[in-house]
């Protein structure tokens, strides 16, 4: 369901010429507990980027990774942050941490793992 909603957000952003960004990817469910998820190429988790660069600041990490293109990568990050923030707010996505957020080779943020959203929460602490 989460990916169907992300696909809808993507379509709205493109149709309305909004400078917001989300990344739809394919999911084929087999049942409520298993399925196939499309591999998202050329991405790394924020945790792995921080560990590899030994930095805590994403700005510094972006300068290291993207070099002269770091400002364009920051723009891509900001547009994807805004797109996913709307999605997360509207559908109460929970359990966000640096292992559930990927960064692609253009600087975009891509969220994965939507196990906890709407009324489902870690530890059954629903809000």
C-alpha atoms as a PDB file:
ATOM      1  CA  UNK A   1       0.000   0.000   0.000  1.00  0.00           C
ATOM      2  CA  UNK A   2       2.820   2.414   0.857  1.00  0.00           C
ATOM      3  CA  UNK A   3       4.401   2.031  -2.558  1.00  0.00           C
ATOM      4  CA  UNK A   4       1.072   2.538  -4.319  1.00  0.00           C
ATOM      5  CA  UNK A   5       0.721   5.822  -2.428  1.00  0.00           C
ATOM      6  CA  UNK A   6       4.298   6.833  -3.286  1.00  0.00           C
ATOM      7  CA  UNK A   7       3.550   6.113  -6.953  1.00  0.00           C
ATOM      8  CA  UNK A   8       0.512   8.387  -6.676  1.00  0.00           C
ATOM      9  CA  UNK A   9       2.583  11.156  -5.036  1.00  0.00           C
ATOM     10  CA  UNK A  10       5.193  10.808  -7.798  1.00  0.00           C
ATOM     11  CA  UNK A  11       2.512  11.113 -10.478  1.00  0.00           C
ATOM     12  CA  UNK A  12       1.009  14.205  -8.802  1.00  0.00           C
ATOM     13  CA  UNK A  13       4.422  15.880  -8.425  1.00  0.00           C
ATOM     14  CA  UNK A  14       5.229  15.285 -12.110  1.00  0.00           C
ATOM     15  CA  UNK A  15       1.759  16.211 -13.436  1.00  0.00           C
ATOM     16  CA  UNK A  16       1.603  19.426 -11.424  1.00  0.00           C
ATOM     17  CA  UNK A  17       5.239  20.340 -12.204  1.00  0.00           C
ATOM     18  CA  UNK A  18       6.127  20.441  -8.517  1.00  0.00           C
ATOM     19  CA  UNK A  19       9.811  20.368  -7.660  1.00  0.00           C
ATOM     20  CA  UNK A  20       9.240  17.589  -5.144  1.00  0.00           C
ATOM     21  CA  UNK A  21      10.658  14.093  -5.562  1.00  0.00           C
ATOM     22  CA  UNK A  22       9.881  10.556  -4.394  1.00  0.00           C
ATOM     23  CA  UNK A  23      11.133   7.274  -5.869  1.00  0.00           C
ATOM     24  CA  UNK A  24       8.581   4.604  -6.712  1.00  0.00           C
ATOM     25  CA  UNK A  25       9.980   1.088  -6.946  1.00  0.00           C
ATOM     26  CA  UNK A  26       8.335  -2.252  -7.588  1.00  0.00           C
ATOM     27  CA  UNK A  27       7.013  -4.539  -4.865  1.00  0.00           C
ATOM     28  CA  UNK A  28       5.376  -7.887  -5.570  1.00  0.00           C
ATOM     29  CA  UNK A  29       3.669  -9.230  -2.431  1.00  0.00           C
ATOM     30  CA  UNK A  30       3.081 -12.951  -1.973  1.00  0.00           C
ATOM     31  CA  UNK A  31       1.190 -12.648   1.289  1.00  0.00           C
ATOM     32  CA  UNK A  32       1.055 -10.200   4.210  1.00  0.00           C
ATOM     33  CA  UNK A  33       4.520 -11.243   5.392  1.00  0.00           C
ATOM     34  CA  UNK A  34       6.620 -11.782   2.256  1.00  0.00           C
ATOM     35  CA  UNK A  35       7.286 -10.702  -1.316  1.00  0.00           C
ATOM     36  CA  UNK A  36       9.866  -9.359  -3.744  1.00  0.00           C
ATOM     37  CA  UNK A  37      11.182  -5.800  -3.566  1.00  0.00           C
ATOM     38  CA  UNK A  38      13.005  -4.191  -6.472  1.00  0.00           C
ATOM     39  CA  UNK A  39      16.661  -3.475  -5.753  1.00  0.00           C
ATOM     40  CA  UNK A  40      17.270   0.293  -5.836  1.00  0.00           C
ATOM     41  CA  UNK A  41      20.579   0.673  -7.713  1.00  0.00           C
ATOM     42  CA  UNK A  42      23.378   3.083  -6.854  1.00  0.00           C
ATOM     43  CA  UNK A  43      22.231   3.786  -3.293  1.00  0.00           C
ATOM     44  CA  UNK A  44      23.697   3.588   0.198  1.00  0.00           C
ATOM     45  CA  UNK A  45      22.096   4.008   3.602  1.00  0.00           C
ATOM     46  CA  UNK A  46      22.797   7.191   5.525  1.00  0.00           C
ATOM     47  CA  UNK A  47      24.346   4.983   8.231  1.00  0.00           C
ATOM     48  CA  UNK A  48      26.854   3.480   5.792  1.00  0.00           C
ATOM     49  CA  UNK A  49      27.743   6.903   4.357  1.00  0.00           C
ATOM     50  CA  UNK A  50      28.403   8.270   7.828  1.00  0.00           C
ATOM     51  CA  UNK A  51      30.479   5.237   8.797  1.00  0.00           C
ATOM     52  CA  UNK A  52      32.555   5.317   5.579  1.00  0.00           C
ATOM     53  CA  UNK A  53      33.302   9.037   5.794  1.00  0.00           C
ATOM     54  CA  UNK A  54      33.663   9.171   9.593  1.00  0.00           C
ATOM     55  CA  UNK A  55      31.568  12.371   9.511  1.00  0.00           C
ATOM     56  CA  UNK A  56      28.272  13.247  11.158  1.00  0.00           C
ATOM     57  CA  UNK A  57      27.324  16.185   8.948  1.00  0.00           C
ATOM     58  CA  UNK A  58      25.513  15.260   5.731  1.00  0.00           C
ATOM     59  CA  UNK A  59      26.720  18.547   4.251  1.00  0.00           C
ATOM     60  CA  UNK A  60      30.346  17.498   4.725  1.00  0.00           C
ATOM     61  CA  UNK A  61      29.570  13.992   3.447  1.00  0.00           C
ATOM     62  CA  UNK A  62      27.882  15.450   0.343  1.00  0.00           C
ATOM     63  CA  UNK A  63      30.926  17.631  -0.351  1.00  0.00           C
ATOM     64  CA  UNK A  64      33.144  14.538  -0.075  1.00  0.00           C
ATOM     65  CA  UNK A  65      30.976  12.306  -2.258  1.00  0.00           C
ATOM     66  CA  UNK A  66      29.704  14.701  -4.925  1.00  0.00           C
ATOM     67  CA  UNK A  67      32.689  17.050  -5.165  1.00  0.00           C
ATOM     68  CA  UNK A  68      31.947  19.984  -7.466  1.00  0.00           C
ATOM     69  CA  UNK A  69      28.346  18.771  -7.881  1.00  0.00           C
ATOM     70  CA  UNK A  70      27.564  18.845  -4.167  1.00  0.00           C
ATOM     71  CA  UNK A  71      25.205  21.845  -4.431  1.00  0.00           C
ATOM     72  CA  UNK A  72      23.105  20.065  -7.075  1.00  0.00           C
ATOM     73  CA  UNK A  73      23.079  16.954  -4.865  1.00  0.00           C
ATOM     74  CA  UNK A  74      21.926  19.058  -1.886  1.00  0.00           C
ATOM     75  CA  UNK A  75      19.097  20.466  -4.048  1.00  0.00           C
ATOM     76  CA  UNK A  76      18.064  16.903  -4.949  1.00  0.00           C
ATOM     77  CA  UNK A  77      18.237  15.931  -1.276  1.00  0.00           C
ATOM     78  CA  UNK A  78      16.048  18.902  -0.288  1.00  0.00           C
ATOM     79  CA  UNK A  79      13.402  18.175  -2.941  1.00  0.00           C
ATOM     80  CA  UNK A  80      13.230  14.520  -1.944  1.00  0.00           C
ATOM     81  CA  UNK A  81      13.169  15.439   1.759  1.00  0.00           C
ATOM     82  CA  UNK A  82      10.153  17.676   1.098  1.00  0.00           C
ATOM     83  CA  UNK A  83       8.355  15.002  -0.959  1.00  0.00           C
ATOM     84  CA  UNK A  84       8.886  12.232   1.595  1.00  0.00           C
ATOM     85  CA  UNK A  85       8.068  14.577   4.505  1.00  0.00           C
ATOM     86  CA  UNK A  86       4.604  15.202   3.036  1.00  0.00           C
ATOM     87  CA  UNK A  87       4.084  11.474   2.543  1.00  0.00           C
ATOM     88  CA  UNK A  88       5.284  10.594   6.063  1.00  0.00           C
ATOM     89  CA  UNK A  89       3.151  13.264   7.694  1.00  0.00           C
ATOM     90  CA  UNK A  90      -0.022  12.350   5.821  1.00  0.00           C
ATOM     91  CA  UNK A  91       0.305   8.599   6.414  1.00  0.00           C
ATOM     92  CA  UNK A  92       1.985   8.655   9.830  1.00  0.00           C
ATOM     93  CA  UNK A  93       5.078   6.720   8.756  1.00  0.00           C
ATOM     94  CA  UNK A  94       7.045   5.671  11.819  1.00  0.00           C
ATOM     95  CA  UNK A  95      10.351   3.915  12.558  1.00  0.00           C
ATOM     96  CA  UNK A  96      12.484   6.288  10.490  1.00  0.00           C
ATOM     97  CA  UNK A  97      16.209   5.936  11.099  1.00  0.00           C
ATOM     98  CA  UNK A  98      19.419   6.091   9.077  1.00  0.00           C
ATOM     99  CA  UNK A  99      19.162   2.440   7.979  1.00  0.00           C
ATOM    100  CA  UNK A 100      15.701   3.055   6.464  1.00  0.00           C
ATOM    101  CA  UNK A 101      16.849   5.985   4.360  1.00  0.00           C
ATOM    102  CA  UNK A 102      18.925   5.562   1.210  1.00  0.00           C
ATOM    103  CA  UNK A 103      20.864   8.205  -0.704  1.00  0.00           C
ATOM    104  CA  UNK A 104      21.255   7.703  -4.460  1.00  0.00           C
ATOM    105  CA  UNK A 105      24.104   8.747  -6.741  1.00  0.00           C
ATOM    106  CA  UNK A 106      22.346  12.058  -7.503  1.00  0.00           C
ATOM    107  CA  UNK A 107      21.845  12.977  -3.830  1.00  0.00           C
ATOM    108  CA  UNK A 108      18.144  12.071  -3.535  1.00  0.00           C
ATOM    109  CA  UNK A 109      16.795  10.570  -0.349  1.00  0.00           C
ATOM    110  CA  UNK A 110      14.816   7.330  -0.812  1.00  0.00           C
ATOM    111  CA  UNK A 111      12.798   5.840   2.027  1.00  0.00           C
ATOM    112  CA  UNK A 112      12.447   2.094   2.453  1.00  0.00           C
ATOM    113  CA  UNK A 113      10.737  -0.183   5.000  1.00  0.00           C
ATOM    114  CA  UNK A 114       7.193   1.000   5.574  1.00  0.00           C
ATOM    115  CA  UNK A 115       6.293  -1.659   8.142  1.00  0.00           C
ATOM    116  CA  UNK A 116       4.961   0.928  10.551  1.00  0.00           C
ATOM    117  CA  UNK A 117       2.496   3.454   9.218  1.00  0.00           C
ATOM    118  CA  UNK A 118      -1.019   4.723   9.839  1.00  0.00           C
ATOM    119  CA  UNK A 119      -2.016   2.825  13.009  1.00  0.00           C
ATOM    120  CA  UNK A 120       0.837   0.298  13.196  1.00  0.00           C
ATOM    121  CA  UNK A 121       3.790   1.221  15.432  1.00  0.00           C
ATOM    122  CA  UNK A 122       6.895  -0.437  16.869  1.00  0.00           C
ATOM    123  CA  UNK A 123       5.984  -2.011  20.214  1.00  0.00           C
ATOM    124  CA  UNK A 124       2.273  -1.323  19.554  1.00  0.00           C
ATOM    125  CA  UNK A 125       2.659   2.265  20.786  1.00  0.00           C
ATOM    126  CA  UNK A 126       0.038   3.712  18.502  1.00  0.00           C
ATOM    127  CA  UNK A 127      -0.563   7.445  18.283  1.00  0.00           C
END
